Amino acid sequence: MRIAKEYNTTEASMERAVRHAIKTGWHRHNDDLAELIFMNTLQSTNDVPTNSVFIYTVSEWIRVNIQYSEENGSSII
């Protein structure tokens, strides 16, 4: 992975760091916002999303929110 090489680390270390950041943030999240963004992508409220689910879901939510804002002059939240 290019980013790992650029920062002189391994892909496994990067994966672990992302997983840790998601897990740590997930336990401190705003329940209402998490429900708005993740809706039905998780089985229960105790589930922590995988790296790929988290990154995809958040990036898709941002893309939709930006598009909505540009079209309507306001944001979803």
N, C-alpha and C. Protein backbone atom coordinates (compact mmCIF):
# COMPACT_ATOMS: atom_id res chain seq x y z
N MET A 1 0.84 -1.17 0.00
CA MET A 1 0.00 0.00 0.00
C MET A 1 0.89 1.24 0.00
N ARG A 2 0.57 2.17 -0.85
CA ARG A 2 1.37 3.38 -1.01
C ARG A 2 1.47 4.21 0.27
N ILE A 3 0.37 4.34 0.97
CA ILE A 3 0.37 5.17 2.18
C ILE A 3 1.26 4.57 3.25
N ALA A 4 1.20 3.25 3.41
CA ALA A 4 2.05 2.58 4.40
C ALA A 4 3.51 2.80 4.07
N LYS A 5 3.85 2.68 2.82
CA LYS A 5 5.24 2.86 2.39
C LYS A 5 5.68 4.30 2.63
N GLU A 6 4.82 5.25 2.31
CA GLU A 6 5.16 6.67 2.47
C GLU A 6 5.44 7.01 3.93
N TYR A 7 4.71 6.39 4.86
CA TYR A 7 4.88 6.67 6.28
C TYR A 7 5.73 5.62 7.00
N ASN A 8 6.42 4.80 6.20
CA ASN A 8 7.38 3.83 6.72
C ASN A 8 6.75 2.90 7.76
N THR A 9 5.62 2.34 7.42
CA THR A 9 4.94 1.40 8.31
C THR A 9 4.40 0.25 7.46
N THR A 10 3.71 -0.66 8.09
CA THR A 10 3.17 -1.81 7.37
C THR A 10 1.68 -1.65 7.15
N GLU A 11 1.16 -2.40 6.20
CA GLU A 11 -0.29 -2.40 5.96
C GLU A 11 -1.03 -2.91 7.18
N ALA A 12 -0.48 -3.91 7.84
CA ALA A 12 -1.13 -4.47 9.04
C ALA A 12 -1.22 -3.42 10.15
N SER A 13 -0.17 -2.64 10.31
CA SER A 13 -0.20 -1.58 11.33
C SER A 13 -1.24 -0.52 11.01
N MET A 14 -1.34 -0.17 9.75
CA MET A 14 -2.35 0.81 9.34
C MET A 14 -3.76 0.26 9.57
N GLU A 15 -3.97 -0.98 9.20
CA GLU A 15 -5.28 -1.62 9.39
C GLU A 15 -5.65 -1.62 10.87
N ARG A 16 -4.70 -2.00 11.71
CA ARG A 16 -4.94 -2.04 13.14
C ARG A 16 -5.25 -0.64 13.69
N ALA A 17 -4.53 0.37 13.23
CA ALA A 17 -4.75 1.74 13.70
C ALA A 17 -6.14 2.25 13.30
N VAL A 18 -6.56 1.94 12.08
CA VAL A 18 -7.90 2.34 11.62
C VAL A 18 -8.96 1.62 12.45
N ARG A 19 -8.76 0.33 12.67
CA ARG A 19 -9.71 -0.46 13.46
C ARG A 19 -9.82 0.10 14.88
N HIS A 20 -8.67 0.46 15.46
CA HIS A 20 -8.66 1.03 16.81
C HIS A 20 -9.38 2.38 16.85
N ALA A 21 -9.13 3.23 15.87
CA ALA A 21 -9.79 4.54 15.82
C ALA A 21 -11.30 4.40 15.69
N ILE A 22 -11.74 3.48 14.85
CA ILE A 22 -13.19 3.26 14.68
C ILE A 22 -13.79 2.73 15.97
N LYS A 23 -13.15 1.74 16.58
CA LYS A 23 -13.68 1.15 17.81
C LYS A 23 -13.74 2.19 18.93
N THR A 24 -12.67 2.96 19.10
CA THR A 24 -12.64 3.98 20.15
C THR A 24 -13.71 5.04 19.92
N GLY A 25 -13.79 5.53 18.70
CA GLY A 25 -14.81 6.53 18.38
C GLY A 25 -16.22 5.99 18.49
N TRP A 26 -16.40 4.73 18.14
CA TRP A 26 -17.74 4.14 18.14
C TRP A 26 -18.32 4.11 19.55
N HIS A 27 -17.48 3.86 20.53
CA HIS A 27 -17.97 3.78 21.90
C HIS A 27 -18.24 5.17 22.49
N ARG A 28 -17.86 6.21 21.78
CA ARG A 28 -18.09 7.59 22.24
C ARG A 28 -19.06 8.33 21.35
N HIS A 29 -19.72 7.66 20.43
CA HIS A 29 -20.54 8.32 19.41
C HIS A 29 -21.87 8.84 19.94
N ASN A 30 -22.44 9.71 19.16
CA ASN A 30 -23.77 10.24 19.39
C ASN A 30 -24.76 9.23 18.80
N ASP A 31 -25.60 8.65 19.64
CA ASP A 31 -26.52 7.59 19.19
C ASP A 31 -27.44 8.03 18.05
N ASP A 32 -27.97 9.24 18.14
CA ASP A 32 -28.90 9.71 17.11
C ASP A 32 -28.19 9.89 15.76
N LEU A 33 -27.00 10.45 15.78
CA LEU A 33 -26.25 10.65 14.55
C LEU A 33 -25.82 9.31 13.96
N ALA A 34 -25.38 8.40 14.82
CA ALA A 34 -24.99 7.06 14.33
C ALA A 34 -26.18 6.36 13.68
N GLU A 35 -27.36 6.48 14.27
CA GLU A 35 -28.56 5.88 13.68
C GLU A 35 -28.88 6.52 12.34
N LEU A 36 -28.72 7.84 12.24
CA LEU A 36 -28.98 8.54 10.99
C LEU A 36 -28.02 8.09 9.89
N ILE A 37 -26.76 7.94 10.23
CA ILE A 37 -25.76 7.57 9.23
C ILE A 37 -25.77 6.09 8.90
N PHE A 38 -25.81 5.24 9.93
CA PHE A 38 -25.66 3.80 9.72
C PHE A 38 -26.98 3.06 9.56
N MET A 39 -28.09 3.67 9.94
CA MET A 39 -29.42 3.08 9.83
C MET A 39 -29.42 1.58 10.09
N ASN A 40 -29.59 0.79 9.05
CA ASN A 40 -29.73 -0.66 9.23
C ASN A 40 -28.49 -1.44 8.79
N THR A 41 -27.33 -0.83 8.80
CA THR A 41 -26.13 -1.55 8.34
C THR A 41 -25.54 -2.45 9.42
N LEU A 42 -25.96 -2.28 10.67
CA LEU A 42 -25.44 -3.09 11.77
C LEU A 42 -26.55 -3.94 12.37
N GLN A 43 -26.16 -5.08 12.93
CA GLN A 43 -27.13 -6.01 13.52
C GLN A 43 -27.72 -5.49 14.83
N SER A 44 -26.89 -4.87 15.66
CA SER A 44 -27.36 -4.35 16.94
C SER A 44 -26.61 -3.07 17.28
N THR A 45 -27.08 -2.39 18.32
CA THR A 45 -26.44 -1.14 18.72
C THR A 45 -25.07 -1.39 19.34
N ASN A 46 -24.77 -2.63 19.73
CA ASN A 46 -23.46 -2.96 20.30
C ASN A 46 -22.43 -3.29 19.23
N ASP A 47 -22.86 -3.52 18.01
CA ASP A 47 -21.93 -3.85 16.93
C ASP A 47 -21.06 -2.67 16.58
N VAL A 48 -19.78 -2.95 16.36
CA VAL A 48 -18.85 -1.94 15.85
C VAL A 48 -18.66 -2.26 14.37
N PRO A 49 -18.84 -1.28 13.49
CA PRO A 49 -18.69 -1.57 12.06
C PRO A 49 -17.26 -1.96 11.69
N THR A 50 -17.13 -2.78 10.68
CA THR A 50 -15.80 -3.11 10.18
C THR A 50 -15.21 -1.87 9.52
N ASN A 51 -13.91 -1.91 9.28
CA ASN A 51 -13.25 -0.78 8.61
C ASN A 51 -13.94 -0.43 7.31
N SER A 52 -14.17 -1.44 6.48
CA SER A 52 -14.75 -1.17 5.16
C SER A 52 -16.18 -0.66 5.27
N VAL A 53 -16.99 -1.22 6.16
CA VAL A 53 -18.37 -0.75 6.33
C VAL A 53 -18.36 0.68 6.85
N PHE A 54 -17.52 0.98 7.81
CA PHE A 54 -17.46 2.32 8.37
C PHE A 54 -17.06 3.34 7.32
N ILE A 55 -15.96 3.07 6.61
CA ILE A 55 -15.45 4.01 5.61
C ILE A 55 -16.46 4.20 4.49
N TYR A 56 -17.03 3.12 3.99
CA TYR A 56 -18.01 3.23 2.90
C TYR A 56 -19.24 4.00 3.36
N THR A 57 -19.79 3.64 4.51
CA THR A 57 -21.03 4.25 4.97
C THR A 57 -20.86 5.73 5.25
N VAL A 58 -19.79 6.10 5.93
CA VAL A 58 -19.56 7.51 6.24
C VAL A 58 -19.29 8.30 4.96
N SER A 59 -18.48 7.75 4.06
CA SER A 59 -18.19 8.49 2.82
C SER A 59 -19.44 8.64 1.96
N GLU A 60 -20.27 7.62 1.92
CA GLU A 60 -21.52 7.71 1.15
C GLU A 60 -22.46 8.73 1.78
N TRP A 61 -22.55 8.75 3.12
CA TRP A 61 -23.41 9.70 3.80
C TRP A 61 -22.93 11.13 3.54
N ILE A 62 -21.62 11.34 3.57
CA ILE A 62 -21.07 12.67 3.28
C ILE A 62 -21.38 13.06 1.84
N ARG A 63 -21.19 12.13 0.89
CA ARG A 63 -21.48 12.42 -0.52
C ARG A 63 -22.94 12.83 -0.71
N VAL A 64 -23.85 12.08 -0.11
CA VAL A 64 -25.28 12.38 -0.24
C VAL A 64 -25.60 13.71 0.44
N ASN A 65 -25.03 13.95 1.62
CA ASN A 65 -25.30 15.19 2.35
C ASN A 65 -24.79 16.40 1.58
N ILE A 66 -23.61 16.30 0.98
CA ILE A 66 -23.07 17.40 0.19
C ILE A 66 -23.95 17.66 -1.04
N GLN A 67 -24.35 16.59 -1.70
CA GLN A 67 -25.21 16.74 -2.88
C GLN A 67 -26.54 17.38 -2.48
N TYR A 68 -27.13 16.95 -1.38
CA TYR A 68 -28.38 17.52 -0.88
C TYR A 68 -28.19 19.00 -0.55
N SER A 69 -27.08 19.33 0.11
CA SER A 69 -26.80 20.72 0.47
C SER A 69 -26.67 21.61 -0.75
N GLU A 70 -25.98 21.12 -1.77
CA GLU A 70 -25.80 21.90 -2.99
C GLU A 70 -27.11 22.12 -3.72
N GLU A 71 -27.98 21.13 -3.69
CA GLU A 71 -29.25 21.24 -4.41
C GLU A 71 -30.29 22.06 -3.64
N ASN A 72 -30.22 22.04 -2.30
CA ASN A 72 -31.26 22.67 -1.49
C ASN A 72 -30.79 23.82 -0.60
N GLY A 73 -29.51 24.05 -0.57
CA GLY A 73 -28.99 25.14 0.24
C GLY A 73 -29.01 24.88 1.73
N SER A 74 -29.20 23.64 2.14
CA SER A 74 -29.16 23.29 3.56
C SER A 74 -28.68 21.85 3.69
N SER A 75 -28.27 21.50 4.90
CA SER A 75 -27.76 20.15 5.13
C SER A 75 -28.84 19.24 5.69
N ILE A 76 -28.58 17.95 5.68
CA ILE A 76 -29.52 16.96 6.20
C ILE A 76 -29.63 17.08 7.70
N ILE A 77 -28.50 17.33 8.38
CA ILE A 77 -28.56 17.43 9.84
C ILE A 77 -28.52 18.87 10.29
